[in-house]
Amino acid sequence: MRAVTLDGKTIEEYLQKINGFVDELAGVGVPVRHEEYVNALLEGLPSDCASVVSIIENKKQTPSIHRD
């Protein structure tokens, strides 16, 4: 999951790929904690998103993410 990056993907494709891993892991009895999910999403973003990533990482509470 952490090896997935945005490079060459649309945001939608990127999120679908990460969500697919999360769903697969849950399907075999290994649920992904919300914090791990958010960290994986942030780690896959390119360096030009560093300022946004930094703001999110410095929040006291991990932001919620709505998954469809």
C-alpha atoms as a PDB file:
ATOM      1  CA  MET A   1       0.000   0.000   0.000  1.00  0.00           C
ATOM      2  CA  ARG A   2       2.802   2.419   0.842  1.00  0.00           C
ATOM      3  CA  ALA A   3       4.506   1.698  -2.469  1.00  0.00           C
ATOM      4  CA  VAL A   4       1.626   3.278  -4.407  1.00  0.00           C
ATOM      5  CA  THR A   5       2.343   6.801  -5.607  1.00  0.00           C
ATOM      6  CA  LEU A   6       0.374   9.435  -7.463  1.00  0.00           C
ATOM      7  CA  ASP A   7       2.953   9.524 -10.272  1.00  0.00           C
ATOM      8  CA  GLY A   8       1.178   9.134 -13.598  1.00  0.00           C
ATOM      9  CA  LYS A   9      -2.240   8.579 -12.017  1.00  0.00           C
ATOM     10  CA  THR A  10      -5.231  10.805 -11.559  1.00  0.00           C
ATOM     11  CA  ILE A  11      -6.259  11.476  -7.956  1.00  0.00           C
ATOM     12  CA  GLU A  12      -9.233   9.175  -8.500  1.00  0.00           C
ATOM     13  CA  GLU A  13      -7.019   6.326  -9.754  1.00  0.00           C
ATOM     14  CA  TYR A  14      -4.611   6.875  -6.872  1.00  0.00           C
ATOM     15  CA  LEU A  15      -7.372   6.736  -4.266  1.00  0.00           C
ATOM     16  CA  GLN A  16      -8.936   3.682  -5.917  1.00  0.00           C
ATOM     17  CA  LYS A  17      -5.599   1.856  -5.799  1.00  0.00           C
ATOM     18  CA  ILE A  18      -5.053   2.637  -2.089  1.00  0.00           C
ATOM     19  CA  ASN A  19      -8.679   1.785  -1.279  1.00  0.00           C
ATOM     20  CA  GLY A  20      -8.286  -1.510  -3.126  1.00  0.00           C
ATOM     21  CA  PHE A  21      -5.369  -2.469  -0.879  1.00  0.00           C
ATOM     22  CA  VAL A  22      -7.297  -1.428   2.227  1.00  0.00           C
ATOM     23  CA  ASP A  23     -10.282  -3.519   1.146  1.00  0.00           C
ATOM     24  CA  GLU A  24      -8.096  -6.533   0.305  1.00  0.00           C
ATOM     25  CA  LEU A  25      -6.392  -6.390   3.680  1.00  0.00           C
ATOM     26  CA  ALA A  26      -9.738  -6.101   5.466  1.00  0.00           C
ATOM     27  CA  GLY A  27     -10.994  -9.055   3.442  1.00  0.00           C
ATOM     28  CA  VAL A  28      -8.271 -11.297   4.851  1.00  0.00           C
ATOM     29  CA  GLY A  29      -8.808 -10.107   8.407  1.00  0.00           C
ATOM     30  CA  VAL A  30      -6.129  -7.400   8.571  1.00  0.00           C
ATOM     31  CA  PRO A  31      -7.981  -4.113   8.980  1.00  0.00           C
ATOM     32  CA  VAL A  32      -6.005  -0.942   8.290  1.00  0.00           C
ATOM     33  CA  ARG A  33      -6.164   1.675  11.024  1.00  0.00           C
ATOM     34  CA  HIS A  34      -7.382   5.083   9.868  1.00  0.00           C
ATOM     35  CA  GLU A  35      -4.023   6.678  10.732  1.00  0.00           C
ATOM     36  CA  GLU A  36      -2.176   4.112   8.597  1.00  0.00           C
ATOM     37  CA  TYR A  37      -4.557   4.770   5.715  1.00  0.00           C
ATOM     38  CA  VAL A  38      -4.026   8.544   5.883  1.00  0.00           C
ATOM     39  CA  ASN A  39      -0.243   8.134   6.201  1.00  0.00           C
ATOM     40  CA  ALA A  40      -0.144   5.871   3.148  1.00  0.00           C
ATOM     41  CA  LEU A  41      -2.143   8.429   1.158  1.00  0.00           C
ATOM     42  CA  LEU A  42       0.176  11.251   2.192  1.00  0.00           C
ATOM     43  CA  GLU A  43       3.392   9.313   1.552  1.00  0.00           C
ATOM     44  CA  GLY A  44       2.413   8.619  -2.037  1.00  0.00           C
ATOM     45  CA  LEU A  45       1.965  12.270  -2.941  1.00  0.00           C
ATOM     46  CA  PRO A  46       4.682  14.037  -4.945  1.00  0.00           C
ATOM     47  CA  SER A  47       7.088  16.554  -3.420  1.00  0.00           C
ATOM     48  CA  ASP A  48       5.146  19.507  -4.831  1.00  0.00           C
ATOM     49  CA  CYS A  49       2.417  18.601  -2.302  1.00  0.00           C
ATOM     50  CA  ALA A  50       4.885  18.783   0.624  1.00  0.00           C
ATOM     51  CA  SER A  51       3.348  21.906   2.170  1.00  0.00           C
ATOM     52  CA  VAL A  52      -0.129  20.341   2.269  1.00  0.00           C
ATOM     53  CA  VAL A  53       1.274  17.058   3.603  1.00  0.00           C
ATOM     54  CA  SER A  54       3.153  18.935   6.316  1.00  0.00           C
ATOM     55  CA  ILE A  55       0.023  20.788   7.444  1.00  0.00           C
ATOM     56  CA  ILE A  56      -1.970  17.552   7.643  1.00  0.00           C
ATOM     57  CA  GLU A  57       0.810  15.675   9.443  1.00  0.00           C
ATOM     58  CA  ASN A  58       1.117  18.431  12.052  1.00  0.00           C
ATOM     59  CA  LYS A  59      -2.561  18.340  12.994  1.00  0.00           C
ATOM     60  CA  LYS A  60      -3.244  16.973  16.467  1.00  0.00           C
ATOM     61  CA  GLN A  61      -6.034  14.785  15.129  1.00  0.00           C
ATOM     62  CA  THR A  62      -5.882  12.738  11.940  1.00  0.00           C
ATOM     63  CA  PRO A  63      -8.406  14.172   9.466  1.00  0.00           C
ATOM     64  CA  SER A  64     -11.334  12.012   8.487  1.00  0.00           C
ATOM     65  CA  ILE A  65     -11.634  10.748   4.941  1.00  0.00           C
ATOM     66  CA  HIS A  66     -14.909   9.723   3.363  1.00  0.00           C
ATOM     67  CA  ARG A  67     -14.638   6.548   1.295  1.00  0.00           C
ATOM     68  CA  ASP A  68     -17.338   5.674  -1.257  1.00  0.00           C
END
